[in-house]
N, C-alpha and C. Protein backbone atom coordinates (compact mmCIF):
# COMPACT_ATOMS: atom_id res chain seq x y z
N MET A 1 12.19 16.50 -30.43
CA MET A 1 11.64 17.32 -31.49
C MET A 1 11.87 16.63 -32.83
N ASN A 2 10.99 16.91 -33.73
CA ASN A 2 11.17 16.23 -35.01
C ASN A 2 12.11 17.02 -35.92
N ARG A 3 12.66 16.29 -36.84
CA ARG A 3 13.68 16.84 -37.72
C ARG A 3 13.13 17.95 -38.61
N GLY A 4 11.92 17.86 -39.10
CA GLY A 4 11.31 18.86 -39.96
C GLY A 4 11.16 20.20 -39.25
N PHE A 5 10.75 20.11 -37.98
CA PHE A 5 10.58 21.32 -37.18
C PHE A 5 11.92 22.03 -36.98
N LEU A 6 12.95 21.27 -36.62
CA LEU A 6 14.29 21.85 -36.43
C LEU A 6 14.83 22.43 -37.73
N SER A 7 14.58 21.75 -38.83
CA SER A 7 15.05 22.25 -40.13
C SER A 7 14.37 23.56 -40.48
N SER A 8 13.08 23.67 -40.21
CA SER A 8 12.37 24.91 -40.52
C SER A 8 12.83 26.07 -39.64
N ILE A 9 13.12 25.78 -38.36
CA ILE A 9 13.65 26.83 -37.47
C ILE A 9 15.02 27.27 -37.95
N LEU A 10 15.86 26.31 -38.30
CA LEU A 10 17.20 26.62 -38.79
C LEU A 10 17.12 27.44 -40.08
N ALA A 11 16.25 27.06 -41.00
CA ALA A 11 16.08 27.78 -42.26
C ALA A 11 15.59 29.21 -42.00
N THR A 12 14.65 29.36 -41.07
CA THR A 12 14.15 30.69 -40.72
C THR A 12 15.26 31.56 -40.15
N MET A 13 16.07 30.98 -39.28
CA MET A 13 17.17 31.74 -38.69
C MET A 13 18.18 32.16 -39.75
N ILE A 14 18.52 31.26 -40.65
CA ILE A 14 19.49 31.58 -41.71
C ILE A 14 18.95 32.68 -42.61
N LEU A 15 17.68 32.57 -43.00
CA LEU A 15 17.09 33.61 -43.84
C LEU A 15 17.00 34.94 -43.11
N SER A 16 16.71 34.90 -41.83
CA SER A 16 16.65 36.14 -41.04
C SER A 16 18.02 36.80 -40.97
N LEU A 17 19.02 35.99 -40.72
CA LEU A 17 20.38 36.53 -40.62
C LEU A 17 20.89 37.01 -41.97
N ALA A 18 20.46 36.37 -43.04
CA ALA A 18 20.89 36.80 -44.38
C ALA A 18 20.38 38.20 -44.69
N GLY A 19 19.26 38.57 -44.11
CA GLY A 19 18.71 39.90 -44.32
C GLY A 19 19.41 40.96 -43.50
N CYS A 20 20.18 40.55 -42.51
CA CYS A 20 20.91 41.50 -41.68
C CYS A 20 22.25 41.78 -42.33
N GLY A 21 22.80 42.89 -42.00
CA GLY A 21 24.13 43.19 -42.51
C GLY A 21 24.32 44.67 -42.66
N TYR A 22 25.48 44.97 -43.11
CA TYR A 22 25.84 46.36 -43.29
C TYR A 22 25.77 46.72 -44.76
N ALA A 23 25.38 47.93 -45.00
CA ALA A 23 25.36 48.44 -46.37
C ALA A 23 25.90 49.85 -46.34
N LEU A 24 26.54 50.24 -47.42
CA LEU A 24 27.04 51.60 -47.51
C LEU A 24 25.88 52.54 -47.78
N VAL A 25 25.82 53.57 -47.00
CA VAL A 25 24.81 54.59 -47.19
C VAL A 25 25.52 55.79 -47.78
N GLY A 26 24.86 56.51 -48.67
CA GLY A 26 25.46 57.71 -49.21
C GLY A 26 26.52 57.45 -50.26
N LYS A 27 26.43 56.34 -50.97
CA LYS A 27 27.45 56.03 -51.97
C LYS A 27 27.18 56.73 -53.29
N GLY A 28 26.06 57.37 -53.45
CA GLY A 28 25.76 58.10 -54.66
C GLY A 28 25.33 59.50 -54.33
N SER A 29 24.82 60.18 -55.33
CA SER A 29 24.37 61.53 -55.11
C SER A 29 22.86 61.54 -54.95
N VAL A 30 22.38 62.37 -54.05
CA VAL A 30 20.94 62.51 -53.88
C VAL A 30 20.40 63.65 -54.74
N LEU A 31 21.28 64.33 -55.45
CA LEU A 31 20.84 65.41 -56.33
C LEU A 31 20.22 64.82 -57.60
N PRO A 32 19.27 65.52 -58.18
CA PRO A 32 18.67 65.03 -59.42
C PRO A 32 19.73 64.86 -60.52
N ASP A 33 19.49 63.92 -61.42
CA ASP A 33 20.46 63.61 -62.48
C ASP A 33 20.72 64.78 -63.42
N HIS A 34 19.74 65.65 -63.60
CA HIS A 34 19.94 66.76 -64.53
C HIS A 34 20.82 67.87 -63.96
N ILE A 35 21.18 67.79 -62.70
CA ILE A 35 22.11 68.77 -62.12
C ILE A 35 23.52 68.34 -62.51
N GLN A 36 24.13 69.10 -63.40
CA GLN A 36 25.48 68.79 -63.89
C GLN A 36 26.50 69.85 -63.52
N SER A 37 26.03 71.08 -63.27
CA SER A 37 26.95 72.17 -62.96
C SER A 37 26.47 72.92 -61.72
N VAL A 38 27.43 73.41 -60.96
CA VAL A 38 27.13 74.11 -59.71
C VAL A 38 27.95 75.40 -59.66
N ALA A 39 27.29 76.48 -59.32
CA ALA A 39 27.98 77.74 -59.03
C ALA A 39 28.04 77.89 -57.52
N ILE A 40 29.20 78.25 -57.03
CA ILE A 40 29.38 78.43 -55.59
C ILE A 40 29.62 79.91 -55.35
N ASN A 41 28.59 80.58 -54.86
CA ASN A 41 28.74 82.00 -54.55
C ASN A 41 29.63 82.17 -53.33
N ALA A 42 30.29 83.30 -53.25
CA ALA A 42 31.14 83.59 -52.09
C ALA A 42 30.27 83.58 -50.84
N PHE A 43 30.74 82.87 -49.83
CA PHE A 43 30.01 82.84 -48.56
C PHE A 43 30.01 84.24 -47.96
N GLU A 44 28.90 84.59 -47.34
CA GLU A 44 28.78 85.87 -46.65
C GLU A 44 29.45 85.75 -45.29
N ASN A 45 30.19 86.77 -44.90
CA ASN A 45 30.86 86.78 -43.60
C ASN A 45 30.08 87.66 -42.65
N ARG A 46 29.42 87.05 -41.67
CA ARG A 46 28.67 87.80 -40.66
C ARG A 46 29.45 87.91 -39.36
N THR A 47 30.75 87.65 -39.43
CA THR A 47 31.61 87.73 -38.25
C THR A 47 32.55 88.93 -38.40
N THR A 48 33.32 89.16 -37.36
CA THR A 48 34.30 90.24 -37.42
C THR A 48 35.67 89.74 -37.88
N ARG A 49 35.80 88.45 -38.10
CA ARG A 49 37.09 87.88 -38.53
C ARG A 49 37.21 87.98 -40.05
N PRO A 50 38.18 88.74 -40.55
CA PRO A 50 38.31 88.88 -42.00
C PRO A 50 38.79 87.58 -42.65
N GLU A 51 38.35 87.38 -43.87
CA GLU A 51 38.82 86.33 -44.77
C GLU A 51 38.32 84.92 -44.47
N ILE A 52 37.61 84.69 -43.40
CA ILE A 52 37.11 83.34 -43.13
C ILE A 52 36.17 82.88 -44.25
N GLU A 53 35.39 83.79 -44.80
CA GLU A 53 34.47 83.43 -45.88
C GLU A 53 35.22 83.01 -47.14
N GLN A 54 36.37 83.65 -47.39
CA GLN A 54 37.18 83.26 -48.56
C GLN A 54 37.71 81.85 -48.41
N ARG A 55 38.20 81.55 -47.22
CA ARG A 55 38.73 80.20 -46.97
C ARG A 55 37.66 79.14 -47.15
N VAL A 56 36.49 79.37 -46.56
CA VAL A 56 35.41 78.39 -46.66
C VAL A 56 34.96 78.24 -48.11
N THR A 57 34.76 79.35 -48.81
CA THR A 57 34.33 79.30 -50.21
C THR A 57 35.32 78.53 -51.07
N GLU A 58 36.61 78.82 -50.92
CA GLU A 58 37.64 78.14 -51.70
C GLU A 58 37.67 76.64 -51.40
N GLU A 59 37.56 76.29 -50.13
CA GLU A 59 37.59 74.87 -49.76
C GLU A 59 36.36 74.12 -50.25
N VAL A 60 35.20 74.76 -50.22
CA VAL A 60 33.98 74.12 -50.72
C VAL A 60 34.11 73.89 -52.23
N ALA A 61 34.61 74.88 -52.96
CA ALA A 61 34.80 74.72 -54.41
C ALA A 61 35.80 73.60 -54.70
N ARG A 62 36.89 73.56 -53.96
CA ARG A 62 37.90 72.52 -54.14
C ARG A 62 37.30 71.14 -53.86
N GLU A 63 36.57 71.04 -52.77
CA GLU A 63 35.96 69.76 -52.38
C GLU A 63 34.95 69.29 -53.43
N PHE A 64 34.12 70.20 -53.92
CA PHE A 64 33.14 69.85 -54.95
C PHE A 64 33.84 69.35 -56.21
N SER A 65 34.88 70.05 -56.64
CA SER A 65 35.55 69.66 -57.89
C SER A 65 36.30 68.34 -57.74
N GLN A 66 36.78 68.03 -56.55
CA GLN A 66 37.49 66.77 -56.33
C GLN A 66 36.57 65.58 -56.15
N ARG A 67 35.35 65.81 -55.70
CA ARG A 67 34.51 64.71 -55.26
C ARG A 67 33.38 64.32 -56.18
N GLY A 68 33.21 65.00 -57.26
CA GLY A 68 31.99 64.64 -57.94
C GLY A 68 32.03 64.80 -59.43
N ARG A 69 30.90 64.53 -59.96
CA ARG A 69 30.70 64.61 -61.40
C ARG A 69 30.21 66.00 -61.80
N TYR A 70 30.28 66.93 -60.89
CA TYR A 70 29.71 68.25 -61.12
C TYR A 70 30.78 69.22 -61.60
N ARG A 71 30.40 70.01 -62.59
CA ARG A 71 31.26 71.05 -63.12
C ARG A 71 31.03 72.31 -62.29
N ILE A 72 32.10 72.94 -61.85
CA ILE A 72 31.98 74.19 -61.10
C ILE A 72 32.04 75.34 -62.11
N VAL A 73 31.04 76.18 -62.07
CA VAL A 73 30.99 77.34 -62.98
C VAL A 73 30.93 78.61 -62.15
N SER A 74 31.47 79.68 -62.73
CA SER A 74 31.52 80.93 -61.97
C SER A 74 30.25 81.76 -62.11
N ASP A 75 29.53 81.59 -63.20
CA ASP A 75 28.32 82.37 -63.44
C ASP A 75 27.08 81.59 -62.98
N PRO A 76 26.41 82.06 -61.94
CA PRO A 76 25.22 81.36 -61.44
C PRO A 76 24.13 81.16 -62.50
N LYS A 77 24.06 82.06 -63.48
CA LYS A 77 23.04 81.94 -64.53
C LYS A 77 23.31 80.76 -65.46
N LYS A 78 24.57 80.31 -65.50
CA LYS A 78 24.94 79.19 -66.37
C LYS A 78 25.02 77.87 -65.60
N ALA A 79 24.63 77.89 -64.34
CA ALA A 79 24.71 76.69 -63.50
C ALA A 79 23.34 76.05 -63.36
N ASP A 80 23.35 74.73 -63.18
CA ASP A 80 22.10 74.02 -62.90
C ASP A 80 21.66 74.23 -61.46
N ALA A 81 22.63 74.48 -60.57
CA ALA A 81 22.33 74.72 -59.15
C ALA A 81 23.32 75.75 -58.62
N VAL A 82 22.87 76.47 -57.60
CA VAL A 82 23.70 77.51 -56.98
C VAL A 82 23.76 77.26 -55.48
N LEU A 83 24.98 77.30 -54.95
CA LEU A 83 25.18 77.15 -53.51
C LEU A 83 25.45 78.52 -52.91
N ASP A 84 24.65 78.90 -51.94
CA ASP A 84 24.84 80.13 -51.18
C ASP A 84 25.07 79.75 -49.73
N GLY A 85 25.87 80.56 -49.04
CA GLY A 85 26.11 80.26 -47.64
C GLY A 85 26.58 81.48 -46.88
N ALA A 86 26.63 81.34 -45.58
CA ALA A 86 27.08 82.43 -44.72
C ALA A 86 27.79 81.86 -43.50
N ILE A 87 28.85 82.54 -43.11
CA ILE A 87 29.51 82.24 -41.85
C ILE A 87 28.73 83.04 -40.82
N GLN A 88 27.95 82.37 -39.99
CA GLN A 88 27.06 83.05 -39.06
C GLN A 88 27.77 83.54 -37.81
N SER A 89 28.69 82.74 -37.31
CA SER A 89 29.38 83.15 -36.08
C SER A 89 30.74 82.49 -36.01
N LEU A 90 31.61 83.13 -35.26
CA LEU A 90 32.93 82.60 -34.97
C LEU A 90 33.25 83.03 -33.55
N SER A 91 33.54 82.06 -32.71
CA SER A 91 33.87 82.40 -31.33
C SER A 91 35.10 81.61 -30.90
N THR A 92 35.85 82.19 -30.02
CA THR A 92 37.03 81.55 -29.46
C THR A 92 36.96 81.66 -27.96
N ARG A 93 37.22 80.54 -27.29
CA ARG A 93 37.18 80.56 -25.82
C ARG A 93 38.30 79.67 -25.28
N PRO A 94 38.85 80.05 -24.15
CA PRO A 94 39.89 79.21 -23.54
C PRO A 94 39.28 77.93 -22.98
N VAL A 95 40.01 76.82 -23.12
CA VAL A 95 39.53 75.55 -22.59
C VAL A 95 40.53 74.91 -21.64
N GLN A 96 41.74 75.47 -21.58
CA GLN A 96 42.75 74.95 -20.67
C GLN A 96 43.63 76.10 -20.21
N PHE A 97 44.03 76.05 -18.94
CA PHE A 97 44.79 77.14 -18.35
C PHE A 97 46.06 76.62 -17.69
N SER A 98 47.06 77.49 -17.62
CA SER A 98 48.29 77.16 -16.88
C SER A 98 48.03 77.39 -15.40
N SER A 99 48.99 77.01 -14.57
CA SER A 99 48.84 77.24 -13.12
C SER A 99 48.80 78.73 -12.80
N ALA A 100 49.33 79.55 -13.69
CA ALA A 100 49.30 81.00 -13.49
C ALA A 100 47.99 81.63 -13.98
N GLY A 101 47.10 80.80 -14.53
CA GLY A 101 45.81 81.31 -14.97
C GLY A 101 45.80 81.78 -16.42
N ARG A 102 46.89 81.59 -17.14
CA ARG A 102 46.96 81.99 -18.54
C ARG A 102 46.40 80.87 -19.42
N ALA A 103 45.63 81.23 -20.44
CA ALA A 103 45.08 80.23 -21.36
C ALA A 103 46.21 79.55 -22.11
N THR A 104 46.20 78.22 -22.11
CA THR A 104 47.21 77.46 -22.85
C THR A 104 46.60 76.71 -24.02
N ARG A 105 45.29 76.59 -24.03
CA ARG A 105 44.59 75.93 -25.13
C ARG A 105 43.25 76.62 -25.31
N VAL A 106 42.89 76.89 -26.56
CA VAL A 106 41.62 77.55 -26.85
C VAL A 106 40.86 76.74 -27.90
N GLU A 107 39.58 76.99 -27.96
CA GLU A 107 38.72 76.34 -28.94
C GLU A 107 38.04 77.41 -29.78
N THR A 108 38.09 77.23 -31.09
CA THR A 108 37.39 78.11 -32.00
C THR A 108 36.19 77.35 -32.56
N VAL A 109 35.05 77.99 -32.55
CA VAL A 109 33.81 77.39 -33.05
C VAL A 109 33.27 78.29 -34.16
N VAL A 110 33.01 77.69 -35.31
CA VAL A 110 32.45 78.41 -36.45
C VAL A 110 31.10 77.78 -36.78
N THR A 111 30.10 78.63 -36.96
CA THR A 111 28.77 78.17 -37.34
C THR A 111 28.45 78.76 -38.71
N LEU A 112 27.96 77.91 -39.59
CA LEU A 112 27.60 78.41 -40.92
C LEU A 112 26.28 77.82 -41.37
N GLN A 113 25.72 78.43 -42.39
CA GLN A 113 24.51 77.92 -43.02
C GLN A 113 24.76 77.91 -44.51
N ALA A 114 24.06 77.03 -45.21
CA ALA A 114 24.21 76.94 -46.66
C ALA A 114 22.93 76.39 -47.28
N THR A 115 22.69 76.80 -48.53
CA THR A 115 21.52 76.35 -49.27
C THR A 115 21.92 76.12 -50.72
N LEU A 116 21.50 74.99 -51.26
CA LEU A 116 21.71 74.67 -52.67
C LEU A 116 20.35 74.73 -53.35
N ARG A 117 20.25 75.59 -54.37
CA ARG A 117 18.99 75.76 -55.09
C ARG A 117 19.16 75.38 -56.56
N GLU A 118 18.12 74.79 -57.10
CA GLU A 118 18.11 74.54 -58.54
C GLU A 118 17.84 75.87 -59.23
N THR A 119 18.63 76.19 -60.23
CA THR A 119 18.53 77.49 -60.90
C THR A 119 17.21 77.64 -61.65
N ALA A 120 16.82 76.63 -62.39
CA ALA A 120 15.63 76.74 -63.25
C ALA A 120 14.34 76.91 -62.46
N THR A 121 14.22 76.23 -61.34
CA THR A 121 12.95 76.22 -60.60
C THR A 121 13.01 76.98 -59.27
N ASP A 122 14.20 77.34 -58.85
CA ASP A 122 14.45 77.97 -57.55
C ASP A 122 14.09 77.03 -56.39
N GLU A 123 13.96 75.74 -56.68
CA GLU A 123 13.66 74.74 -55.66
C GLU A 123 14.90 74.51 -54.79
N ILE A 124 14.67 74.42 -53.49
CA ILE A 124 15.77 74.11 -52.57
C ILE A 124 16.06 72.62 -52.66
N LEU A 125 17.29 72.30 -53.07
CA LEU A 125 17.71 70.90 -53.19
C LEU A 125 18.31 70.39 -51.89
N TRP A 126 18.91 71.30 -51.15
CA TRP A 126 19.57 70.94 -49.88
C TRP A 126 19.72 72.23 -49.08
N SER A 127 19.55 72.12 -47.76
CA SER A 127 19.71 73.30 -46.91
C SER A 127 20.05 72.87 -45.49
N GLN A 128 20.96 73.59 -44.89
CA GLN A 128 21.29 73.42 -43.47
C GLN A 128 21.42 74.81 -42.87
N SER A 129 20.72 75.05 -41.80
CA SER A 129 20.73 76.39 -41.22
C SER A 129 21.76 76.54 -40.11
N ARG A 130 22.32 75.43 -39.64
CA ARG A 130 23.25 75.56 -38.51
C ARG A 130 24.26 74.42 -38.50
N LEU A 131 25.32 74.59 -39.27
CA LEU A 131 26.42 73.63 -39.26
C LEU A 131 27.51 74.18 -38.35
N MET A 132 27.95 73.39 -37.39
CA MET A 132 28.91 73.87 -36.40
C MET A 132 30.20 73.06 -36.49
N PHE A 133 31.33 73.77 -36.48
CA PHE A 133 32.64 73.15 -36.58
C PHE A 133 33.55 73.71 -35.50
N ARG A 134 34.34 72.82 -34.89
CA ARG A 134 35.20 73.19 -33.76
C ARG A 134 36.64 72.79 -34.04
N GLN A 135 37.55 73.58 -33.51
CA GLN A 135 38.97 73.23 -33.58
C GLN A 135 39.65 73.77 -32.33
N GLN A 136 40.38 72.90 -31.65
CA GLN A 136 41.17 73.33 -30.49
C GLN A 136 42.63 73.45 -30.90
N TYR A 137 43.32 74.38 -30.27
CA TYR A 137 44.74 74.54 -30.55
C TYR A 137 45.43 75.13 -29.33
N ASP A 138 46.72 74.85 -29.24
CA ASP A 138 47.53 75.37 -28.14
C ASP A 138 47.89 76.82 -28.40
N VAL A 139 47.93 77.60 -27.34
CA VAL A 139 48.33 79.00 -27.43
C VAL A 139 49.84 79.06 -27.19
N GLN A 140 50.52 79.78 -28.04
CA GLN A 140 51.96 79.92 -27.91
C GLN A 140 52.32 80.74 -26.66
N GLU A 141 53.53 80.55 -26.20
CA GLU A 141 54.02 81.32 -25.05
C GLU A 141 54.05 82.80 -25.39
N GLU A 142 53.95 83.62 -24.37
CA GLU A 142 54.03 85.06 -24.58
C GLU A 142 55.36 85.39 -25.24
N GLY A 143 55.34 86.33 -26.15
CA GLY A 143 56.55 86.73 -26.84
C GLY A 143 56.74 86.02 -28.17
N GLU A 144 56.04 84.92 -28.39
CA GLU A 144 56.10 84.24 -29.68
C GLU A 144 55.03 84.84 -30.58
N PHE A 145 55.35 84.98 -31.85
CA PHE A 145 54.48 85.74 -32.73
C PHE A 145 53.63 84.89 -33.67
N PHE A 146 53.78 83.60 -33.61
CA PHE A 146 53.01 82.74 -34.51
C PHE A 146 51.59 82.60 -33.99
N ASP A 147 50.64 82.88 -34.83
CA ASP A 147 49.23 82.83 -34.44
C ASP A 147 48.61 81.50 -34.88
N GLU A 148 48.37 80.61 -33.94
CA GLU A 148 47.80 79.29 -34.24
C GLU A 148 46.35 79.38 -34.71
N SER A 149 45.69 80.49 -34.43
CA SER A 149 44.28 80.60 -34.82
C SER A 149 44.12 80.57 -36.33
N THR A 150 45.10 81.06 -37.07
CA THR A 150 45.03 81.03 -38.53
C THR A 150 45.02 79.59 -39.03
N LEU A 151 45.89 78.75 -38.47
CA LEU A 151 45.90 77.33 -38.84
C LEU A 151 44.61 76.64 -38.43
N ALA A 152 44.09 77.01 -37.27
CA ALA A 152 42.83 76.42 -36.81
C ALA A 152 41.70 76.77 -37.77
N LEU A 153 41.66 78.01 -38.24
CA LEU A 153 40.62 78.41 -39.18
C LEU A 153 40.77 77.69 -40.52
N ASP A 154 42.00 77.46 -40.94
CA ASP A 154 42.22 76.67 -42.16
C ASP A 154 41.68 75.25 -41.98
N ASP A 155 41.96 74.65 -40.83
CA ASP A 155 41.45 73.30 -40.54
C ASP A 155 39.93 73.28 -40.50
N ILE A 156 39.35 74.30 -39.88
CA ILE A 156 37.89 74.39 -39.81
C ILE A 156 37.31 74.53 -41.21
N ALA A 157 37.92 75.37 -42.05
CA ALA A 157 37.42 75.56 -43.41
C ALA A 157 37.46 74.25 -44.20
N ARG A 158 38.55 73.50 -44.09
CA ARG A 158 38.65 72.21 -44.78
C ARG A 158 37.61 71.22 -44.25
N GLY A 159 37.49 71.14 -42.94
CA GLY A 159 36.51 70.23 -42.35
C GLY A 159 35.09 70.61 -42.69
N ALA A 160 34.80 71.89 -42.66
CA ALA A 160 33.45 72.37 -42.99
C ALA A 160 33.13 72.05 -44.44
N ALA A 161 34.09 72.28 -45.33
CA ALA A 161 33.87 71.99 -46.75
C ALA A 161 33.61 70.51 -46.98
N GLY A 162 34.40 69.66 -46.35
CA GLY A 162 34.22 68.22 -46.50
C GLY A 162 32.86 67.77 -46.01
N THR A 163 32.47 68.25 -44.85
CA THR A 163 31.18 67.88 -44.28
C THR A 163 30.02 68.41 -45.12
N LEU A 164 30.12 69.66 -45.53
CA LEU A 164 29.06 70.28 -46.31
C LEU A 164 28.87 69.56 -47.64
N VAL A 165 29.96 69.31 -48.36
CA VAL A 165 29.86 68.66 -49.66
C VAL A 165 29.38 67.22 -49.51
N SER A 166 29.86 66.51 -48.50
CA SER A 166 29.35 65.15 -48.25
C SER A 166 27.86 65.16 -47.99
N SER A 167 27.42 66.11 -47.21
CA SER A 167 26.00 66.22 -46.89
C SER A 167 25.17 66.47 -48.14
N ILE A 168 25.67 67.34 -49.00
CA ILE A 168 24.94 67.65 -50.24
C ILE A 168 24.94 66.45 -51.18
N LEU A 169 26.10 65.86 -51.41
CA LEU A 169 26.22 64.80 -52.41
C LEU A 169 25.67 63.47 -51.94
N GLU A 170 25.78 63.19 -50.66
CA GLU A 170 25.44 61.86 -50.18
C GLU A 170 24.23 61.82 -49.26
N GLY A 171 23.67 62.98 -48.98
CA GLY A 171 22.46 63.01 -48.18
C GLY A 171 22.66 62.74 -46.70
N PHE A 172 23.87 62.95 -46.20
CA PHE A 172 24.13 62.74 -44.76
C PHE A 172 23.72 63.96 -43.99
């Protein structure tokens, strides 16, 4: 083969490989630049478990304030965008049993929905109708009074807030 042909193949391969690579996705915000403030309404609780909506709302507000250039405001009328959400379901089921048939590990699953709207236009900036979060935990022996489900719900609230805010800010 001639040298020119080999050189052109080599150059083509190098240029092709130079175009390949990894890039960070979601390193900025997909929200419009004029969105500077966000009001986070209390999430609606459609479950029978009390206070789960408070935990999720607090964690979402904390996550937003820690992660972005957005000011959190309490009055939706003074915000550029408003986040509304609902805890749609919460279920707990055993996933592991002892030899006596007693549940030793359970899984809690929380499903929520959320929508971010621009206040001025009522345009939906971001929406998810079914975000699902799971947490497994060990069940304490009979006679012990510590309820692991409370810690599991705290973990779910933190994880849900992180995922939700990442999805809004980074378009994931």
